[in-house]
Amino acid sequence: MEKNNEEMNLKWYDITTNTFIVTTIVSLLLSIFLVSNAMIAYLLISLISLTISIITSIIIKRKITLKKLIAIVFLILLSICIGMYVLNNNYESTSITKPIIYLYPEETTEVNVFLENPNLLTHTYPKYDENTGWNVIAEPSGNLKYLNNDKEQNLYALYWEGNSAKDKKIEDDGFIVKGEDTVDFLEEKLALLGLNEREAEEFIVYWLPRMEENKYNYIRFETANEIEQNMPLNISPKPDTTIRIMMDWCEINSESEANRLSHNIKEQELTTPEREGFVAVEWGGSMIN
């Protein structure tokens, strides 16, 4: 009987130590190819398996062989090193796509536009000067003359793209929208948020190809505070009305997931600003990873 118990203990010991090695190898491979909750789960499983194997070895008074101990330590260190390298170097932060800025002064005015987190910028047009920002002559029609180069350049908007200061995720409010209903939804909500027809058209034309073919989309518009925290915008002279719209969204692949989210999130409340005096408008968006 005791012999059978010892054999069972030894078998259990071998299972736990081998499980540890296997799960550590799997987590190592995952850390090389992706950073996700799955990798973290495997690392946790491997650590739990290690703990069980050590406890088991103490209970049955069996020593871990030197070769197995070296293999275990090596795999732990390698997993940690590669996982940290991936986190620090290969992780793609959320990209804020195609924010453009329109300016509508009441009379032709020289305007300075300054983005206060230039370290987040990845692309700008015209080329953004981190020291002086953009300097333009803005007309009431929205036409702009760019002043930061030797040649005169006529524009209708200023463009920037960059990384988000924090990762985007599905929040507890927003909208679940069928892909086929994207146009109607955006026309309604963008008008409510204060865009005129031209601005709304450019917004929709840019995002529609990415969203319309999806079964469903989760859509949320960032609050003014969230937008300002990520990329403070300083315009001089100060506009009487500033409208900043940033849309966070992601594809929902299944009807069941769309129904689940519809029950778990509340419909976002939106307010309509009054476009008065000197008006500045900015729109952009981010796809939630």
C-alpha atoms as a PDB file:
ATOM      1  CA  MET A   1       0.000   0.000   0.000  1.00  0.00           C
ATOM      2  CA  GLU A   2       2.778   2.412   0.958  1.00  0.00           C
ATOM      3  CA  LYS A   3       4.608   1.492  -2.243  1.00  0.00           C
ATOM      4  CA  ASN A   4       1.520   2.329  -4.287  1.00  0.00           C
ATOM      5  CA  ASN A   5       1.172   5.667  -2.494  1.00  0.00           C
ATOM      6  CA  GLU A   6       4.826   6.435  -3.133  1.00  0.00           C
ATOM      7  CA  GLU A   7       4.418   5.586  -6.825  1.00  0.00           C
ATOM      8  CA  MET A   8       1.362   7.845  -7.021  1.00  0.00           C
ATOM      9  CA  ASN A   9       3.273  10.646  -5.310  1.00  0.00           C
ATOM     10  CA  LEU A  10       6.178  10.255  -7.705  1.00  0.00           C
ATOM     11  CA  LYS A  11       3.796  10.264 -10.664  1.00  0.00           C
ATOM     12  CA  TRP A  12       2.074  13.391  -9.335  1.00  0.00           C
ATOM     13  CA  TYR A  13       5.481  15.005  -8.815  1.00  0.00           C
ATOM     14  CA  ASP A  14       6.550  14.238 -12.381  1.00  0.00           C
ATOM     15  CA  ILE A  15       3.229  15.555 -13.762  1.00  0.00           C
ATOM     16  CA  THR A  16       3.504  18.867 -11.897  1.00  0.00           C
ATOM     17  CA  THR A  17       7.158  19.486 -12.771  1.00  0.00           C
ATOM     18  CA  ASN A  18       6.619  18.527 -16.407  1.00  0.00           C
ATOM     19  CA  THR A  19       3.473  20.697 -16.544  1.00  0.00           C
ATOM     20  CA  PHE A  20       5.544  23.574 -15.256  1.00  0.00           C
ATOM     21  CA  ILE A  21       8.173  23.120 -17.950  1.00  0.00           C
ATOM     22  CA  VAL A  22       5.582  22.742 -20.724  1.00  0.00           C
ATOM     23  CA  THR A  23       3.527  25.775 -19.652  1.00  0.00           C
ATOM     24  CA  THR A  24       6.676  27.867 -19.276  1.00  0.00           C
ATOM     25  CA  ILE A  25       7.752  26.931 -22.809  1.00  0.00           C
ATOM     26  CA  VAL A  26       4.276  27.814 -24.113  1.00  0.00           C
ATOM     27  CA  SER A  27       4.313  31.148 -22.284  1.00  0.00           C
ATOM     28  CA  LEU A  28       7.786  31.795 -23.684  1.00  0.00           C
ATOM     29  CA  LEU A  29       6.550  31.232 -27.237  1.00  0.00           C
ATOM     30  CA  LEU A  30       3.511  33.437 -26.606  1.00  0.00           C
ATOM     31  CA  SER A  31       5.712  36.208 -25.241  1.00  0.00           C
ATOM     32  CA  ILE A  32       7.764  36.115 -28.442  1.00  0.00           C
ATOM     33  CA  PHE A  33       4.783  36.409 -30.785  1.00  0.00           C
ATOM     34  CA  LEU A  34       2.240  38.451 -28.815  1.00  0.00           C
ATOM     35  CA  VAL A  35       1.511  40.294 -25.618  1.00  0.00           C
ATOM     36  CA  SER A  36      -1.872  39.358 -24.253  1.00  0.00           C
ATOM     37  CA  ASN A  37      -3.837  38.072 -21.300  1.00  0.00           C
ATOM     38  CA  ALA A  38      -3.172  34.544 -22.590  1.00  0.00           C
ATOM     39  CA  MET A  39       0.559  34.969 -22.056  1.00  0.00           C
ATOM     40  CA  ILE A  40      -0.024  36.236 -18.512  1.00  0.00           C
ATOM     41  CA  ALA A  41      -2.339  33.309 -17.816  1.00  0.00           C
ATOM     42  CA  TYR A  42       0.259  30.792 -18.962  1.00  0.00           C
ATOM     43  CA  LEU A  43       2.942  32.439 -16.841  1.00  0.00           C
ATOM     44  CA  LEU A  44       0.653  32.255 -13.811  1.00  0.00           C
ATOM     45  CA  ILE A  45      -0.095  28.582 -14.523  1.00  0.00           C
ATOM     46  CA  SER A  46       3.618  27.836 -14.805  1.00  0.00           C
ATOM     47  CA  LEU A  47       4.335  29.560 -11.485  1.00  0.00           C
ATOM     48  CA  ILE A  48       1.482  27.668  -9.797  1.00  0.00           C
ATOM     49  CA  SER A  49       2.819  24.415 -11.248  1.00  0.00           C
ATOM     50  CA  LEU A  50       6.282  25.238  -9.934  1.00  0.00           C
ATOM     51  CA  THR A  51       4.891  25.905  -6.461  1.00  0.00           C
ATOM     52  CA  ILE A  52       2.975  22.617  -6.473  1.00  0.00           C
ATOM     53  CA  SER A  53       6.024  20.676  -7.692  1.00  0.00           C
ATOM     54  CA  ILE A  54       8.211  22.172  -4.947  1.00  0.00           C
ATOM     55  CA  ILE A  55       5.605  21.437  -2.251  1.00  0.00           C
ATOM     56  CA  THR A  56       5.197  17.904  -3.603  1.00  0.00           C
ATOM     57  CA  SER A  57       8.955  17.339  -3.589  1.00  0.00           C
ATOM     58  CA  ILE A  58       9.100  18.474   0.043  1.00  0.00           C
ATOM     59  CA  ILE A  59       6.187  16.219   1.044  1.00  0.00           C
ATOM     60  CA  ILE A  60       7.622  13.108  -0.588  1.00  0.00           C
ATOM     61  CA  LYS A  61      11.190  14.094   0.236  1.00  0.00           C
ATOM     62  CA  ARG A  62      12.369  13.849  -3.300  1.00  0.00           C
ATOM     63  CA  LYS A  63      14.967  16.273  -4.548  1.00  0.00           C
ATOM     64  CA  ILE A  64      14.637  18.050  -7.877  1.00  0.00           C
ATOM     65  CA  THR A  65      17.456  16.904 -10.146  1.00  0.00           C
ATOM     66  CA  LEU A  66      20.123  19.465 -10.941  1.00  0.00           C
ATOM     67  CA  LYS A  67      19.393  19.302 -14.686  1.00  0.00           C
ATOM     68  CA  LYS A  68      15.695  19.901 -14.148  1.00  0.00           C
ATOM     69  CA  LEU A  69      16.418  22.773 -11.745  1.00  0.00           C
ATOM     70  CA  ILE A  70      18.753  24.432 -14.262  1.00  0.00           C
ATOM     71  CA  ALA A  71      16.135  24.010 -17.015  1.00  0.00           C
ATOM     72  CA  ILE A  72      13.458  25.551 -14.805  1.00  0.00           C
ATOM     73  CA  VAL A  73      15.567  28.580 -13.808  1.00  0.00           C
ATOM     74  CA  PHE A  74      16.704  29.099 -17.412  1.00  0.00           C
ATOM     75  CA  LEU A  75      13.127  29.027 -18.746  1.00  0.00           C
ATOM     76  CA  ILE A  76      11.912  31.453 -16.071  1.00  0.00           C
ATOM     77  CA  LEU A  77      14.674  33.969 -16.796  1.00  0.00           C
ATOM     78  CA  LEU A  78      14.279  33.623 -20.571  1.00  0.00           C
ATOM     79  CA  SER A  79      10.495  34.106 -20.366  1.00  0.00           C
ATOM     80  CA  ILE A  80      10.859  37.203 -18.193  1.00  0.00           C
ATOM     81  CA  CYS A  81      13.561  38.756 -20.403  1.00  0.00           C
ATOM     82  CA  ILE A  82      11.744  38.174 -23.699  1.00  0.00           C
ATOM     83  CA  GLY A  83       8.364  39.160 -22.242  1.00  0.00           C
ATOM     84  CA  MET A  84       9.815  42.443 -20.946  1.00  0.00           C
ATOM     85  CA  TYR A  85      11.523  43.101 -24.275  1.00  0.00           C
ATOM     86  CA  VAL A  86       8.237  42.617 -26.148  1.00  0.00           C
ATOM     87  CA  LEU A  87       6.367  44.842 -23.707  1.00  0.00           C
ATOM     88  CA  ASN A  88       8.940  47.621 -23.943  1.00  0.00           C
ATOM     89  CA  ASN A  89       9.717  47.521 -27.637  1.00  0.00           C
ATOM     90  CA  ASN A  90       7.107  45.710 -29.684  1.00  0.00           C
ATOM     91  CA  TYR A  91       3.859  46.783 -28.089  1.00  0.00           C
ATOM     92  CA  GLU A  92       1.806  48.973 -30.388  1.00  0.00           C
ATOM     93  CA  SER A  93       0.062  51.743 -28.493  1.00  0.00           C
ATOM     94  CA  THR A  94      -3.335  52.917 -29.623  1.00  0.00           C
ATOM     95  CA  SER A  95      -3.006  55.200 -32.617  1.00  0.00           C
ATOM     96  CA  ILE A  96      -5.116  58.336 -32.923  1.00  0.00           C
ATOM     97  CA  THR A  97      -5.969  58.479 -36.620  1.00  0.00           C
ATOM     98  CA  LYS A  98      -6.340  61.543 -38.793  1.00  0.00           C
ATOM     99  CA  PRO A  99      -7.274  64.328 -36.426  1.00  0.00           C
ATOM    100  CA  ILE A 100      -7.707  67.436 -38.566  1.00  0.00           C
ATOM    101  CA  ILE A 101      -8.289  70.969 -37.353  1.00  0.00           C
ATOM    102  CA  TYR A 102     -10.514  73.565 -39.051  1.00  0.00           C
ATOM    103  CA  LEU A 103     -10.432  77.270 -38.166  1.00  0.00           C
ATOM    104  CA  TYR A 104     -13.273  79.730 -38.826  1.00  0.00           C
ATOM    105  CA  PRO A 105     -12.491  83.221 -37.471  1.00  0.00           C
ATOM    106  CA  GLU A 106     -15.021  86.017 -37.844  1.00  0.00           C
ATOM    107  CA  GLU A 107     -12.474  87.962 -39.893  1.00  0.00           C
ATOM    108  CA  THR A 108      -9.158  87.139 -41.545  1.00  0.00           C
ATOM    109  CA  THR A 109      -6.812  86.489 -38.620  1.00  0.00           C
ATOM    110  CA  GLU A 110      -3.285  85.250 -38.011  1.00  0.00           C
ATOM    111  CA  VAL A 111      -3.637  82.176 -35.793  1.00  0.00           C
ATOM    112  CA  ASN A 112      -1.168  80.004 -33.890  1.00  0.00           C
ATOM    113  CA  VAL A 113      -2.088  76.373 -33.218  1.00  0.00           C
ATOM    114  CA  PHE A 114      -0.003  74.545 -30.619  1.00  0.00           C
ATOM    115  CA  LEU A 115      -0.231  70.832 -29.692  1.00  0.00           C
ATOM    116  CA  GLU A 116       1.114  70.447 -26.177  1.00  0.00           C
ATOM    117  CA  ASN A 117       2.146  66.769 -26.298  1.00  0.00           C
ATOM    118  CA  PRO A 118       4.388  66.795 -29.403  1.00  0.00           C
ATOM    119  CA  ASN A 119       6.184  63.650 -28.193  1.00  0.00           C
ATOM    120  CA  LEU A 120       3.030  61.685 -29.116  1.00  0.00           C
ATOM    121  CA  LEU A 121       2.944  62.928 -32.723  1.00  0.00           C
ATOM    122  CA  THR A 122       3.821  60.476 -35.501  1.00  0.00           C
ATOM    123  CA  HIS A 123       2.699  62.346 -38.659  1.00  0.00           C
ATOM    124  CA  THR A 124       1.772  65.960 -39.343  1.00  0.00           C
ATOM    125  CA  TYR A 125       0.904  68.043 -42.384  1.00  0.00           C
ATOM    126  CA  PRO A 126       2.090  70.665 -42.879  1.00  0.00           C
ATOM    127  CA  LYS A 127       5.224  69.769 -40.925  1.00  0.00           C
ATOM    128  CA  TYR A 128       4.653  70.642 -37.287  1.00  0.00           C
ATOM    129  CA  ASP A 129       7.282  72.747 -35.498  1.00  0.00           C
ATOM    130  CA  GLU A 130       7.562  71.591 -31.870  1.00  0.00           C
ATOM    131  CA  ASN A 131       8.783  75.041 -30.810  1.00  0.00           C
ATOM    132  CA  THR A 132       6.364  77.306 -32.630  1.00  0.00           C
ATOM    133  CA  GLY A 133       3.469  75.038 -33.646  1.00  0.00           C
ATOM    134  CA  TRP A 134       1.521  75.953 -36.778  1.00  0.00           C
ATOM    135  CA  ASN A 135       1.161  79.606 -37.816  1.00  0.00           C
ATOM    136  CA  VAL A 136      -1.545  80.310 -40.373  1.00  0.00           C
ATOM    137  CA  ILE A 137      -3.682  83.111 -41.712  1.00  0.00           C
ATOM    138  CA  ALA A 138      -7.262  81.890 -41.314  1.00  0.00           C
ATOM    139  CA  GLU A 139     -10.230  83.245 -43.250  1.00  0.00           C
ATOM    140  CA  PRO A 140     -13.920  83.088 -42.220  1.00  0.00           C
ATOM    141  CA  SER A 141     -14.520  80.545 -45.018  1.00  0.00           C
ATOM    142  CA  GLY A 142     -12.061  78.152 -43.351  1.00  0.00           C
ATOM    143  CA  ASN A 143      -9.307  78.635 -45.926  1.00  0.00           C
ATOM    144  CA  LEU A 144      -5.828  78.736 -44.409  1.00  0.00           C
ATOM    145  CA  LYS A 145      -2.510  80.157 -45.578  1.00  0.00           C
ATOM    146  CA  TYR A 146       0.446  78.390 -44.011  1.00  0.00           C
ATOM    147  CA  LEU A 147       3.192  80.746 -42.817  1.00  0.00           C
ATOM    148  CA  ASN A 148       5.938  78.389 -41.597  1.00  0.00           C
ATOM    149  CA  ASN A 149       7.783  77.980 -44.874  1.00  0.00           C
ATOM    150  CA  ASP A 150       9.204  80.127 -47.646  1.00  0.00           C
ATOM    151  CA  LYS A 151       6.393  79.458 -50.105  1.00  0.00           C
ATOM    152  CA  GLU A 152       2.762  80.362 -49.629  1.00  0.00           C
ATOM    153  CA  GLN A 153       0.644  77.258 -49.128  1.00  0.00           C
ATOM    154  CA  ASN A 154      -3.159  77.218 -49.232  1.00  0.00           C
ATOM    155  CA  LEU A 155      -4.886  74.665 -46.996  1.00  0.00           C
ATOM    156  CA  TYR A 156      -8.340  73.903 -45.651  1.00  0.00           C
ATOM    157  CA  ALA A 157      -7.242  72.103 -42.452  1.00  0.00           C
ATOM    158  CA  LEU A 158      -4.263  71.091 -40.314  1.00  0.00           C
ATOM    159  CA  TYR A 159      -3.528  67.389 -39.951  1.00  0.00           C
ATOM    160  CA  TRP A 160      -1.843  65.361 -37.216  1.00  0.00           C
ATOM    161  CA  GLU A 161      -1.665  61.750 -36.187  1.00  0.00           C
ATOM    162  CA  GLY A 162      -0.131  60.252 -33.078  1.00  0.00           C
ATOM    163  CA  ASN A 163      -0.118  57.732 -30.275  1.00  0.00           C
ATOM    164  CA  SER A 164      -2.534  57.810 -27.396  1.00  0.00           C
ATOM    165  CA  ALA A 165      -1.191  58.559 -23.919  1.00  0.00           C
ATOM    166  CA  LYS A 166      -3.299  55.660 -22.600  1.00  0.00           C
ATOM    167  CA  ASP A 167      -4.795  52.501 -24.062  1.00  0.00           C
ATOM    168  CA  LYS A 168      -8.367  52.651 -25.274  1.00  0.00           C
ATOM    169  CA  LYS A 169     -10.937  50.086 -24.170  1.00  0.00           C
ATOM    170  CA  ILE A 170     -14.662  49.413 -24.200  1.00  0.00           C
ATOM    171  CA  GLU A 171     -16.116  51.678 -21.515  1.00  0.00           C
ATOM    172  CA  ASP A 172     -19.389  51.423 -19.618  1.00  0.00           C
ATOM    173  CA  ASP A 173     -21.115  53.750 -22.086  1.00  0.00           C
ATOM    174  CA  GLY A 174     -21.266  54.106 -25.853  1.00  0.00           C
ATOM    175  CA  PHE A 175     -23.269  52.619 -28.707  1.00  0.00           C
ATOM    176  CA  ILE A 176     -23.574  49.229 -30.403  1.00  0.00           C
ATOM    177  CA  VAL A 177     -24.275  49.892 -34.086  1.00  0.00           C
ATOM    178  CA  LYS A 178     -24.850  47.511 -36.992  1.00  0.00           C
ATOM    179  CA  GLY A 179     -22.245  47.993 -39.703  1.00  0.00           C
ATOM    180  CA  GLU A 180     -24.954  48.615 -42.289  1.00  0.00           C
ATOM    181  CA  ASP A 181     -26.342  51.431 -40.108  1.00  0.00           C
ATOM    182  CA  THR A 182     -23.013  53.277 -39.803  1.00  0.00           C
ATOM    183  CA  VAL A 183     -23.904  56.118 -42.197  1.00  0.00           C
ATOM    184  CA  ASP A 184     -27.229  56.937 -40.543  1.00  0.00           C
ATOM    185  CA  PHE A 185     -25.689  56.726 -37.089  1.00  0.00           C
ATOM    186  CA  LEU A 186     -22.737  58.987 -37.882  1.00  0.00           C
ATOM    187  CA  GLU A 187     -24.848  61.546 -39.743  1.00  0.00           C
ATOM    188  CA  GLU A 188     -27.125  61.853 -36.723  1.00  0.00           C
ATOM    189  CA  LYS A 189     -24.456  61.899 -34.003  1.00  0.00           C
ATOM    190  CA  LEU A 190     -21.969  64.156 -35.785  1.00  0.00           C
ATOM    191  CA  ALA A 191     -24.664  66.782 -36.355  1.00  0.00           C
ATOM    192  CA  LEU A 192     -25.564  66.466 -32.669  1.00  0.00           C
ATOM    193  CA  LEU A 193     -21.895  66.963 -31.741  1.00  0.00           C
ATOM    194  CA  GLY A 194     -21.699  70.162 -33.770  1.00  0.00           C
ATOM    195  CA  LEU A 195     -20.074  69.298 -37.106  1.00  0.00           C
ATOM    196  CA  ASN A 196     -21.344  71.043 -40.210  1.00  0.00           C
ATOM    197  CA  GLU A 197     -22.177  69.053 -43.357  1.00  0.00           C
ATOM    198  CA  ARG A 198     -18.724  69.360 -44.930  1.00  0.00           C
ATOM    199  CA  GLU A 199     -16.901  68.310 -41.757  1.00  0.00           C
ATOM    200  CA  ALA A 200     -19.291  65.414 -41.190  1.00  0.00           C
ATOM    201  CA  GLU A 201     -18.895  64.267 -44.800  1.00  0.00           C
ATOM    202  CA  GLU A 202     -15.103  64.173 -44.488  1.00  0.00           C
ATOM    203  CA  PHE A 203     -15.375  62.281 -41.197  1.00  0.00           C
ATOM    204  CA  ILE A 204     -17.762  59.703 -42.660  1.00  0.00           C
ATOM    205  CA  VAL A 205     -15.845  59.265 -45.923  1.00  0.00           C
ATOM    206  CA  TYR A 206     -12.687  58.500 -43.938  1.00  0.00           C
ATOM    207  CA  TRP A 207     -14.163  56.032 -41.419  1.00  0.00           C
ATOM    208  CA  LEU A 208     -16.956  54.392 -43.413  1.00  0.00           C
ATOM    209  CA  PRO A 209     -14.764  51.889 -45.356  1.00  0.00           C
ATOM    210  CA  ARG A 210     -13.346  50.620 -42.050  1.00  0.00           C
ATOM    211  CA  MET A 211     -16.705  50.190 -40.320  1.00  0.00           C
ATOM    212  CA  GLU A 212     -19.562  49.555 -42.739  1.00  0.00           C
ATOM    213  CA  GLU A 213     -18.666  45.947 -43.619  1.00  0.00           C
ATOM    214  CA  ASN A 214     -18.425  44.880 -39.966  1.00  0.00           C
ATOM    215  CA  LYS A 215     -21.334  42.990 -38.442  1.00  0.00           C
ATOM    216  CA  TYR A 216     -21.473  45.403 -35.500  1.00  0.00           C
ATOM    217  CA  ASN A 217     -19.306  48.193 -34.105  1.00  0.00           C
ATOM    218  CA  TYR A 218     -18.854  49.539 -30.606  1.00  0.00           C
ATOM    219  CA  ILE A 219     -18.637  53.340 -30.867  1.00  0.00           C
ATOM    220  CA  ARG A 220     -17.939  55.925 -28.202  1.00  0.00           C
ATOM    221  CA  PHE A 221     -17.060  59.611 -28.398  1.00  0.00           C
ATOM    222  CA  GLU A 222     -14.434  60.776 -25.914  1.00  0.00           C
ATOM    223  CA  THR A 223     -15.317  63.478 -23.413  1.00  0.00           C
ATOM    224  CA  ALA A 224     -13.710  66.925 -23.662  1.00  0.00           C
ATOM    225  CA  ASN A 225     -11.574  66.151 -20.592  1.00  0.00           C
ATOM    226  CA  GLU A 226     -10.334  62.846 -22.056  1.00  0.00           C
ATOM    227  CA  ILE A 227      -9.346  64.549 -25.324  1.00  0.00           C
ATOM    228  CA  GLU A 228      -7.616  67.394 -23.499  1.00  0.00           C
ATOM    229  CA  GLN A 229      -5.681  65.054 -21.219  1.00  0.00           C
ATOM    230  CA  ASN A 230      -4.276  63.170 -24.199  1.00  0.00           C
ATOM    231  CA  MET A 231      -3.448  66.130 -26.454  1.00  0.00           C
ATOM    232  CA  PRO A 232      -3.976  69.614 -24.996  1.00  0.00           C
ATOM    233  CA  LEU A 233      -4.730  72.086 -27.803  1.00  0.00           C
ATOM    234  CA  ASN A 234      -3.763  75.741 -27.479  1.00  0.00           C
ATOM    235  CA  ILE A 235      -5.064  78.130 -30.151  1.00  0.00           C
ATOM    236  CA  SER A 236      -4.186  81.827 -30.132  1.00  0.00           C
ATOM    237  CA  PRO A 237      -6.223  83.981 -30.333  1.00  0.00           C
ATOM    238  CA  LYS A 238      -8.557  81.760 -28.302  1.00  0.00           C
ATOM    239  CA  PRO A 239     -11.666  80.625 -30.220  1.00  0.00           C
ATOM    240  CA  ASP A 240     -15.110  81.487 -28.898  1.00  0.00           C
ATOM    241  CA  THR A 241     -16.210  77.912 -29.681  1.00  0.00           C
ATOM    242  CA  THR A 242     -13.966  74.843 -29.705  1.00  0.00           C
ATOM    243  CA  ILE A 243     -15.408  71.515 -30.868  1.00  0.00           C
ATOM    244  CA  ARG A 244     -13.167  68.471 -30.458  1.00  0.00           C
ATOM    245  CA  ILE A 245     -14.508  65.048 -31.492  1.00  0.00           C
ATOM    246  CA  MET A 246     -12.541  61.816 -30.997  1.00  0.00           C
ATOM    247  CA  MET A 247     -14.315  58.563 -31.780  1.00  0.00           C
ATOM    248  CA  ASP A 248     -13.137  55.310 -30.180  1.00  0.00           C
ATOM    249  CA  TRP A 249     -14.483  52.184 -31.834  1.00  0.00           C
ATOM    250  CA  CYS A 250     -13.935  48.485 -32.434  1.00  0.00           C
ATOM    251  CA  GLU A 251     -15.488  45.701 -34.463  1.00  0.00           C
ATOM    252  CA  ILE A 252     -17.946  43.312 -32.800  1.00  0.00           C
ATOM    253  CA  ASN A 253     -17.903  40.034 -34.701  1.00  0.00           C
ATOM    254  CA  SER A 254     -20.941  38.219 -33.337  1.00  0.00           C
ATOM    255  CA  GLU A 255     -24.556  39.029 -32.593  1.00  0.00           C
ATOM    256  CA  SER A 256     -24.306  37.358 -29.192  1.00  0.00           C
ATOM    257  CA  GLU A 257     -21.392  39.603 -28.203  1.00  0.00           C
ATOM    258  CA  ALA A 258     -23.241  42.652 -29.507  1.00  0.00           C
ATOM    259  CA  ASN A 259     -26.298  41.689 -27.423  1.00  0.00           C
ATOM    260  CA  ARG A 260     -24.148  41.126 -24.335  1.00  0.00           C
ATOM    261  CA  LEU A 261     -22.513  44.538 -24.688  1.00  0.00           C
ATOM    262  CA  SER A 262     -25.865  46.201 -25.345  1.00  0.00           C
ATOM    263  CA  HIS A 263     -27.053  44.969 -21.951  1.00  0.00           C
ATOM    264  CA  ASN A 264     -23.841  45.919 -20.149  1.00  0.00           C
ATOM    265  CA  ILE A 265     -23.212  49.446 -21.427  1.00  0.00           C
ATOM    266  CA  LYS A 266     -25.472  52.452 -21.252  1.00  0.00           C
ATOM    267  CA  GLU A 267     -26.170  54.715 -24.202  1.00  0.00           C
ATOM    268  CA  GLN A 268     -23.775  57.647 -24.190  1.00  0.00           C
ATOM    269  CA  GLU A 269     -25.268  61.071 -23.612  1.00  0.00           C
ATOM    270  CA  LEU A 270     -24.114  63.713 -26.110  1.00  0.00           C
ATOM    271  CA  THR A 271     -24.550  67.482 -26.018  1.00  0.00           C
ATOM    272  CA  THR A 272     -24.732  69.969 -28.880  1.00  0.00           C
ATOM    273  CA  PRO A 273     -22.445  73.013 -28.722  1.00  0.00           C
ATOM    274  CA  GLU A 274     -23.406  76.429 -30.088  1.00  0.00           C
ATOM    275  CA  ARG A 275     -21.151  77.507 -32.966  1.00  0.00           C
ATOM    276  CA  GLU A 276     -20.616  81.164 -32.117  1.00  0.00           C
ATOM    277  CA  GLY A 277     -17.886  83.689 -32.988  1.00  0.00           C
ATOM    278  CA  PHE A 278     -14.443  82.299 -33.859  1.00  0.00           C
ATOM    279  CA  VAL A 279     -14.973  78.531 -34.230  1.00  0.00           C
ATOM    280  CA  ALA A 280     -12.274  75.832 -34.109  1.00  0.00           C
ATOM    281  CA  VAL A 281     -13.196  72.236 -34.957  1.00  0.00           C
ATOM    282  CA  GLU A 282     -11.133  69.058 -34.639  1.00  0.00           C
ATOM    283  CA  TRP A 283     -12.108  65.469 -35.380  1.00  0.00           C
ATOM    284  CA  GLY A 284     -10.311  62.139 -35.321  1.00  0.00           C
ATOM    285  CA  GLY A 285     -10.629  58.629 -34.001  1.00  0.00           C
ATOM    286  CA  SER A 286      -8.969  55.535 -32.580  1.00  0.00           C
ATOM    287  CA  MET A 287      -9.574  51.853 -33.195  1.00  0.00           C
ATOM    288  CA  ILE A 288      -9.589  49.982 -29.885  1.00  0.00           C
ATOM    289  CA  ASN A 289      -7.005  47.173 -30.025  1.00  0.00           C
END
